[in-house]
Amino acid sequence: MITAVNTAVVWVLDQDSAQTFFTEKLGLETRMDVPFGEGVRWVTVGPKNQPELQLTLMVPGAPMQDAESAEQLKSLLAKGALVGCTFTVEDCQAAVKELSARGVTFLQEPQPKPWGLSATFRDDSGTCHELLQPHQ
């Protein structure tokens, strides 16, 4: 049976730019940055206090998709049509203020939701992510 999630994919347009965004702006750490076949890299990041979870910053294309599918996925990324991760924070208001100061673009300021206080931002590839301060 499944016991945990180890790795989740975040589709990006440029791994270098995404790695910088996720580490310097969001404060995650790089876990891996290694060659993964011809012209492909395996780049993962994750929260410092959650070593068992990695986000793979993956550019659409070989070996995962054929050229046509990769271009369709890149087009969806560029449109901002993809949804990514929910990142847990202790204080959503403070996190939005800090991340905004680092250049993160928020689409939605903190709002109460049934699952907690939530704000939405875009990464540098256009994917929407959520900051969540869960109900206590």
N, C-alpha and C. Protein backbone atom coordinates (compact mmCIF):
# COMPACT_ATOMS: atom_id res chain seq x y z
N MET A 1 0.82 -1.19 0.00
CA MET A 1 0.00 0.00 0.00
C MET A 1 0.87 1.26 0.00
N ILE A 2 0.32 2.33 -0.52
CA ILE A 2 1.02 3.61 -0.54
C ILE A 2 1.15 4.13 0.88
N THR A 3 2.35 4.59 1.22
CA THR A 3 2.60 5.12 2.56
C THR A 3 2.91 6.61 2.58
N ALA A 4 3.29 7.19 1.44
CA ALA A 4 3.63 8.62 1.41
C ALA A 4 3.81 9.07 -0.03
N VAL A 5 3.85 10.39 -0.22
CA VAL A 5 4.22 10.97 -1.51
C VAL A 5 5.67 11.41 -1.40
N ASN A 6 6.49 10.98 -2.35
CA ASN A 6 7.91 11.32 -2.35
C ASN A 6 8.21 12.47 -3.30
N THR A 7 7.67 12.41 -4.52
CA THR A 7 8.00 13.38 -5.55
C THR A 7 6.73 13.77 -6.31
N ALA A 8 6.57 15.06 -6.54
CA ALA A 8 5.49 15.57 -7.37
C ALA A 8 6.10 16.44 -8.46
N VAL A 9 5.46 16.48 -9.62
CA VAL A 9 5.97 17.24 -10.76
C VAL A 9 5.36 18.64 -10.78
N VAL A 10 6.21 19.63 -10.99
CA VAL A 10 5.78 20.98 -11.31
C VAL A 10 6.33 21.26 -12.70
N TRP A 11 5.44 21.45 -13.67
CA TRP A 11 5.87 21.73 -15.04
C TRP A 11 6.36 23.17 -15.13
N VAL A 12 7.50 23.35 -15.77
CA VAL A 12 8.12 24.67 -15.90
C VAL A 12 8.59 24.87 -17.34
N LEU A 13 8.81 26.12 -17.69
CA LEU A 13 9.30 26.43 -19.03
C LEU A 13 10.82 26.46 -19.09
N ASP A 14 11.47 26.76 -17.96
CA ASP A 14 12.92 26.86 -17.92
C ASP A 14 13.37 26.40 -16.53
N GLN A 15 14.18 25.34 -16.47
CA GLN A 15 14.58 24.79 -15.18
C GLN A 15 15.46 25.75 -14.38
N ASP A 16 16.37 26.45 -15.03
CA ASP A 16 17.24 27.37 -14.29
C ASP A 16 16.42 28.48 -13.64
N SER A 17 15.53 29.08 -14.41
CA SER A 17 14.69 30.15 -13.90
C SER A 17 13.77 29.64 -12.79
N ALA A 18 13.18 28.47 -13.00
CA ALA A 18 12.29 27.89 -12.00
C ALA A 18 13.05 27.54 -10.72
N GLN A 19 14.24 27.00 -10.86
CA GLN A 19 15.05 26.66 -9.69
C GLN A 19 15.35 27.92 -8.87
N THR A 20 15.68 28.99 -9.55
CA THR A 20 15.92 30.27 -8.87
C THR A 20 14.65 30.75 -8.19
N PHE A 21 13.52 30.69 -8.87
CA PHE A 21 12.25 31.14 -8.29
C PHE A 21 11.91 30.34 -7.03
N PHE A 22 11.97 29.03 -7.14
CA PHE A 22 11.56 28.18 -6.01
C PHE A 22 12.54 28.25 -4.84
N THR A 23 13.82 28.50 -5.10
CA THR A 23 14.78 28.57 -4.00
C THR A 23 14.92 30.00 -3.46
N GLU A 24 15.15 30.96 -4.32
CA GLU A 24 15.41 32.32 -3.86
C GLU A 24 14.15 33.08 -3.47
N LYS A 25 13.06 32.87 -4.18
CA LYS A 25 11.83 33.60 -3.86
C LYS A 25 10.97 32.86 -2.85
N LEU A 26 10.81 31.55 -3.02
CA LEU A 26 9.96 30.79 -2.10
C LEU A 26 10.71 30.23 -0.91
N GLY A 27 12.04 30.16 -1.00
CA GLY A 27 12.83 29.68 0.13
C GLY A 27 12.97 28.18 0.24
N LEU A 28 12.65 27.45 -0.85
CA LEU A 28 12.87 26.00 -0.85
C LEU A 28 14.35 25.74 -1.08
N GLU A 29 14.77 24.51 -0.88
CA GLU A 29 16.17 24.14 -1.13
C GLU A 29 16.26 23.19 -2.31
N THR A 30 17.36 23.27 -3.05
CA THR A 30 17.61 22.33 -4.13
C THR A 30 18.00 21.00 -3.52
N ARG A 31 17.35 19.93 -3.97
CA ARG A 31 17.67 18.58 -3.48
C ARG A 31 18.55 17.84 -4.48
N MET A 32 18.22 17.97 -5.76
CA MET A 32 18.99 17.31 -6.82
C MET A 32 19.05 18.23 -8.03
N ASP A 33 20.15 18.14 -8.74
CA ASP A 33 20.31 18.81 -10.02
C ASP A 33 21.34 17.99 -10.78
N VAL A 34 20.84 16.97 -11.49
CA VAL A 34 21.72 16.01 -12.14
C VAL A 34 21.25 15.75 -13.57
N PRO A 35 22.18 15.37 -14.46
CA PRO A 35 21.78 14.98 -15.81
C PRO A 35 20.84 13.78 -15.77
N PHE A 36 19.86 13.80 -16.68
CA PHE A 36 18.85 12.73 -16.73
C PHE A 36 18.61 12.36 -18.19
N GLY A 37 19.65 11.93 -18.85
CA GLY A 37 19.54 11.62 -20.27
C GLY A 37 20.07 12.76 -21.11
N GLU A 38 19.99 12.60 -22.40
CA GLU A 38 20.56 13.57 -23.33
C GLU A 38 19.80 14.89 -23.29
N GLY A 39 20.48 15.94 -22.82
CA GLY A 39 19.90 17.27 -22.79
C GLY A 39 18.81 17.47 -21.74
N VAL A 40 18.66 16.53 -20.82
CA VAL A 40 17.60 16.61 -19.81
C VAL A 40 18.24 16.61 -18.43
N ARG A 41 17.66 17.39 -17.50
CA ARG A 41 18.14 17.43 -16.12
C ARG A 41 17.03 17.01 -15.18
N TRP A 42 17.40 16.41 -14.07
CA TRP A 42 16.48 16.07 -12.99
C TRP A 42 16.75 17.09 -11.89
N VAL A 43 15.85 18.07 -11.76
CA VAL A 43 16.01 19.14 -10.78
C VAL A 43 14.87 19.02 -9.78
N THR A 44 15.22 18.86 -8.50
CA THR A 44 14.19 18.79 -7.48
C THR A 44 14.47 19.81 -6.39
N VAL A 45 13.39 20.32 -5.80
CA VAL A 45 13.45 21.26 -4.69
C VAL A 45 12.46 20.80 -3.63
N GLY A 46 12.61 21.32 -2.43
CA GLY A 46 11.66 20.98 -1.38
C GLY A 46 11.84 21.86 -0.16
N PRO A 47 10.84 21.85 0.72
CA PRO A 47 10.93 22.61 1.96
C PRO A 47 12.01 22.03 2.87
N LYS A 48 12.77 22.92 3.51
CA LYS A 48 13.88 22.47 4.36
C LYS A 48 13.41 21.55 5.48
N ASN A 49 12.22 21.78 6.01
CA ASN A 49 11.74 20.97 7.13
C ASN A 49 10.90 19.77 6.69
N GLN A 50 10.91 19.45 5.40
CA GLN A 50 10.15 18.30 4.90
C GLN A 50 11.02 17.51 3.91
N PRO A 51 12.07 16.87 4.41
CA PRO A 51 13.03 16.22 3.51
C PRO A 51 12.47 15.04 2.71
N GLU A 52 11.36 14.51 3.12
CA GLU A 52 10.79 13.36 2.41
C GLU A 52 10.00 13.74 1.16
N LEU A 53 9.80 15.05 0.92
CA LEU A 53 9.02 15.50 -0.23
C LEU A 53 9.88 16.32 -1.17
N GLN A 54 9.80 16.00 -2.46
CA GLN A 54 10.52 16.73 -3.49
C GLN A 54 9.54 17.18 -4.57
N LEU A 55 9.79 18.35 -5.13
CA LEU A 55 9.08 18.82 -6.31
C LEU A 55 10.06 18.76 -7.46
N THR A 56 9.71 18.03 -8.49
CA THR A 56 10.56 17.94 -9.68
C THR A 56 10.17 19.07 -10.62
N LEU A 57 11.13 19.90 -10.97
CA LEU A 57 10.91 20.99 -11.90
C LEU A 57 11.18 20.46 -13.30
N MET A 58 10.11 20.11 -14.00
CA MET A 58 10.21 19.37 -15.25
C MET A 58 9.76 20.21 -16.44
N VAL A 59 10.61 20.28 -17.45
CA VAL A 59 10.26 20.95 -18.71
C VAL A 59 9.56 19.94 -19.60
N PRO A 60 8.40 20.31 -20.19
CA PRO A 60 7.72 19.39 -21.09
C PRO A 60 8.61 18.97 -22.25
N GLY A 61 8.59 17.70 -22.57
CA GLY A 61 9.37 17.19 -23.69
C GLY A 61 9.89 15.79 -23.40
N ALA A 62 10.82 15.36 -24.23
CA ALA A 62 11.40 14.02 -24.09
C ALA A 62 12.07 13.91 -22.72
N PRO A 63 12.05 12.81 -22.09
CA PRO A 63 11.47 11.54 -22.53
C PRO A 63 10.01 11.36 -22.15
N MET A 64 9.37 12.37 -21.55
CA MET A 64 8.02 12.21 -21.04
C MET A 64 6.92 12.33 -22.10
N GLN A 65 7.08 13.26 -23.05
CA GLN A 65 6.04 13.48 -24.04
C GLN A 65 6.63 13.52 -25.45
N ASP A 66 5.74 13.28 -26.41
CA ASP A 66 6.12 13.49 -27.80
C ASP A 66 6.14 14.99 -28.05
N ALA A 67 6.71 15.41 -29.16
CA ALA A 67 6.90 16.84 -29.46
C ALA A 67 5.58 17.61 -29.47
N GLU A 68 4.54 17.05 -30.07
CA GLU A 68 3.25 17.75 -30.14
C GLU A 68 2.65 17.94 -28.74
N SER A 69 2.67 16.90 -27.93
CA SER A 69 2.13 17.00 -26.57
C SER A 69 2.94 17.97 -25.74
N ALA A 70 4.25 17.96 -25.90
CA ALA A 70 5.11 18.88 -25.16
C ALA A 70 4.77 20.32 -25.51
N GLU A 71 4.55 20.62 -26.78
CA GLU A 71 4.20 21.97 -27.20
C GLU A 71 2.83 22.37 -26.65
N GLN A 72 1.89 21.45 -26.60
CA GLN A 72 0.59 21.76 -26.03
C GLN A 72 0.72 22.08 -24.54
N LEU A 73 1.52 21.32 -23.83
CA LEU A 73 1.73 21.56 -22.41
C LEU A 73 2.44 22.89 -22.19
N LYS A 74 3.44 23.20 -23.01
CA LYS A 74 4.12 24.49 -22.91
C LYS A 74 3.14 25.65 -23.16
N SER A 75 2.23 25.47 -24.09
CA SER A 75 1.23 26.49 -24.38
C SER A 75 0.31 26.71 -23.18
N LEU A 76 -0.10 25.62 -22.53
CA LEU A 76 -0.93 25.74 -21.33
C LEU A 76 -0.17 26.44 -20.20
N LEU A 77 1.11 26.13 -20.06
CA LEU A 77 1.94 26.80 -19.07
C LEU A 77 1.99 28.31 -19.34
N ALA A 78 2.27 28.66 -20.58
CA ALA A 78 2.39 30.07 -20.95
C ALA A 78 1.08 30.84 -20.72
N LYS A 79 -0.05 30.15 -20.85
CA LYS A 79 -1.35 30.78 -20.62
C LYS A 79 -1.68 30.90 -19.13
N GLY A 80 -0.94 30.20 -18.30
CA GLY A 80 -1.25 30.20 -16.87
C GLY A 80 -2.43 29.31 -16.55
N ALA A 81 -2.62 28.25 -17.34
CA ALA A 81 -3.79 27.39 -17.19
C ALA A 81 -3.57 26.20 -16.25
N LEU A 82 -2.35 26.03 -15.73
CA LEU A 82 -2.09 24.87 -14.89
C LEU A 82 -2.10 25.24 -13.41
N VAL A 83 -2.52 24.29 -12.60
CA VAL A 83 -2.54 24.45 -11.15
C VAL A 83 -1.45 23.57 -10.57
N GLY A 84 -0.70 24.09 -9.61
CA GLY A 84 0.42 23.37 -9.03
C GLY A 84 0.16 22.91 -7.62
N CYS A 85 0.94 23.40 -6.70
CA CYS A 85 0.99 22.91 -5.32
C CYS A 85 0.28 23.82 -4.34
N THR A 86 -0.03 23.25 -3.20
CA THR A 86 -0.47 24.02 -2.04
C THR A 86 0.67 23.98 -1.04
N PHE A 87 1.17 25.16 -0.67
CA PHE A 87 2.26 25.27 0.28
C PHE A 87 1.68 25.73 1.62
N THR A 88 1.96 24.99 2.67
CA THR A 88 1.46 25.31 4.00
C THR A 88 2.34 26.37 4.65
N VAL A 89 1.71 27.35 5.27
CA VAL A 89 2.41 28.41 6.00
C VAL A 89 1.75 28.57 7.37
N GLU A 90 2.51 29.11 8.32
CA GLU A 90 1.95 29.36 9.65
C GLU A 90 1.10 30.61 9.67
N ASP A 91 1.50 31.65 8.92
CA ASP A 91 0.81 32.93 8.90
C ASP A 91 0.71 33.38 7.45
N CYS A 92 -0.45 33.22 6.86
CA CYS A 92 -0.64 33.51 5.44
C CYS A 92 -0.41 34.99 5.13
N GLN A 93 -0.92 35.88 5.97
CA GLN A 93 -0.74 37.32 5.73
C GLN A 93 0.74 37.68 5.71
N ALA A 94 1.50 37.20 6.70
CA ALA A 94 2.93 37.50 6.78
C ALA A 94 3.69 36.89 5.60
N ALA A 95 3.31 35.67 5.21
CA ALA A 95 3.98 35.01 4.09
C ALA A 95 3.75 35.77 2.80
N VAL A 96 2.52 36.23 2.57
CA VAL A 96 2.23 37.00 1.36
C VAL A 96 3.05 38.28 1.34
N LYS A 97 3.14 38.95 2.47
CA LYS A 97 3.93 40.19 2.55
C LYS A 97 5.40 39.91 2.23
N GLU A 98 5.97 38.87 2.84
CA GLU A 98 7.38 38.54 2.61
C GLU A 98 7.64 38.12 1.18
N LEU A 99 6.80 37.23 0.64
CA LEU A 99 7.01 36.74 -0.72
C LEU A 99 6.77 37.84 -1.76
N SER A 100 5.80 38.72 -1.51
CA SER A 100 5.58 39.85 -2.42
C SER A 100 6.83 40.73 -2.47
N ALA A 101 7.46 40.93 -1.33
CA ALA A 101 8.68 41.74 -1.28
C ALA A 101 9.82 41.08 -2.06
N ARG A 102 9.77 39.75 -2.20
CA ARG A 102 10.77 39.02 -2.98
C ARG A 102 10.43 38.95 -4.46
N GLY A 103 9.28 39.53 -4.84
CA GLY A 103 8.91 39.57 -6.25
C GLY A 103 7.90 38.53 -6.69
N VAL A 104 7.29 37.81 -5.76
CA VAL A 104 6.27 36.82 -6.12
C VAL A 104 4.97 37.57 -6.44
N THR A 105 4.33 37.20 -7.56
CA THR A 105 3.09 37.84 -7.99
C THR A 105 1.89 37.07 -7.46
N PHE A 106 1.08 37.73 -6.66
CA PHE A 106 -0.13 37.11 -6.10
C PHE A 106 -1.33 37.47 -6.95
N LEU A 107 -2.15 36.47 -7.23
CA LEU A 107 -3.38 36.66 -7.98
C LEU A 107 -4.55 36.88 -7.05
N GLN A 108 -4.41 36.37 -5.83
CA GLN A 108 -5.48 36.48 -4.83
C GLN A 108 -4.84 36.70 -3.47
N GLU A 109 -5.21 37.76 -2.82
CA GLU A 109 -4.75 38.03 -1.46
C GLU A 109 -5.39 37.01 -0.52
N PRO A 110 -4.89 36.89 0.70
CA PRO A 110 -5.45 35.91 1.64
C PRO A 110 -6.96 36.07 1.83
N GLN A 111 -7.65 34.95 1.68
CA GLN A 111 -9.10 34.91 1.84
C GLN A 111 -9.47 33.67 2.63
N PRO A 112 -10.50 33.78 3.47
CA PRO A 112 -10.95 32.60 4.20
C PRO A 112 -11.59 31.59 3.24
N LYS A 113 -11.22 30.35 3.38
CA LYS A 113 -11.80 29.24 2.62
C LYS A 113 -12.22 28.17 3.63
N PRO A 114 -12.99 27.20 3.23
CA PRO A 114 -13.38 26.16 4.19
C PRO A 114 -12.18 25.41 4.79
N TRP A 115 -11.06 25.38 4.08
CA TRP A 115 -9.89 24.61 4.54
C TRP A 115 -8.84 25.49 5.22
N GLY A 116 -9.05 26.82 5.26
CA GLY A 116 -8.10 27.71 5.93
C GLY A 116 -8.00 29.05 5.22
N LEU A 117 -7.00 29.84 5.59
CA LEU A 117 -6.75 31.12 4.95
C LEU A 117 -5.85 30.86 3.75
N SER A 118 -6.28 31.30 2.58
CA SER A 118 -5.63 30.92 1.32
C SER A 118 -5.32 32.13 0.46
N ALA A 119 -4.14 32.09 -0.17
CA ALA A 119 -3.73 33.10 -1.16
C ALA A 119 -3.19 32.34 -2.37
N THR A 120 -3.33 32.94 -3.55
CA THR A 120 -2.89 32.29 -4.78
C THR A 120 -1.82 33.13 -5.47
N PHE A 121 -0.76 32.45 -5.95
CA PHE A 121 0.31 33.14 -6.67
C PHE A 121 0.70 32.34 -7.90
N ARG A 122 1.41 32.99 -8.80
CA ARG A 122 1.95 32.33 -10.00
C ARG A 122 3.45 32.19 -9.85
N ASP A 123 3.97 31.07 -10.35
CA ASP A 123 5.42 30.93 -10.42
C ASP A 123 5.90 31.59 -11.71
N ASP A 124 7.18 31.55 -11.97
CA ASP A 124 7.73 32.26 -13.14
C ASP A 124 7.40 31.59 -14.47
N SER A 125 6.81 30.38 -14.43
CA SER A 125 6.37 29.72 -15.65
C SER A 125 4.88 29.93 -15.89
N GLY A 126 4.16 30.49 -14.91
CA GLY A 126 2.74 30.76 -15.07
C GLY A 126 1.81 29.85 -14.28
N THR A 127 2.35 28.82 -13.63
CA THR A 127 1.52 27.89 -12.87
C THR A 127 1.02 28.55 -11.60
N CYS A 128 -0.25 28.33 -11.28
CA CYS A 128 -0.86 28.87 -10.05
C CYS A 128 -0.61 27.92 -8.90
N HIS A 129 -0.21 28.48 -7.76
CA HIS A 129 0.01 27.72 -6.52
C HIS A 129 -0.75 28.41 -5.41
N GLU A 130 -0.99 27.68 -4.33
CA GLU A 130 -1.71 28.21 -3.18
C GLU A 130 -0.81 28.27 -1.97
N LEU A 131 -0.92 29.35 -1.19
CA LEU A 131 -0.36 29.40 0.16
C LEU A 131 -1.54 29.14 1.08
N LEU A 132 -1.36 28.26 2.03
CA LEU A 132 -2.46 27.89 2.91
C LEU A 132 -2.06 27.92 4.36
N GLN A 133 -2.81 28.66 5.14
CA GLN A 133 -2.71 28.62 6.61
C GLN A 133 -3.92 27.79 7.04
N PRO A 134 -3.71 26.48 7.31
CA PRO A 134 -4.84 25.62 7.65
C PRO A 134 -5.52 26.06 8.94
N HIS A 135 -6.80 25.73 9.06
CA HIS A 135 -7.51 25.97 10.31
C HIS A 135 -6.82 25.18 11.42
N GLN A 136 -6.73 25.77 12.59
CA GLN A 136 -6.13 25.07 13.74
C GLN A 136 -7.14 24.20 14.43
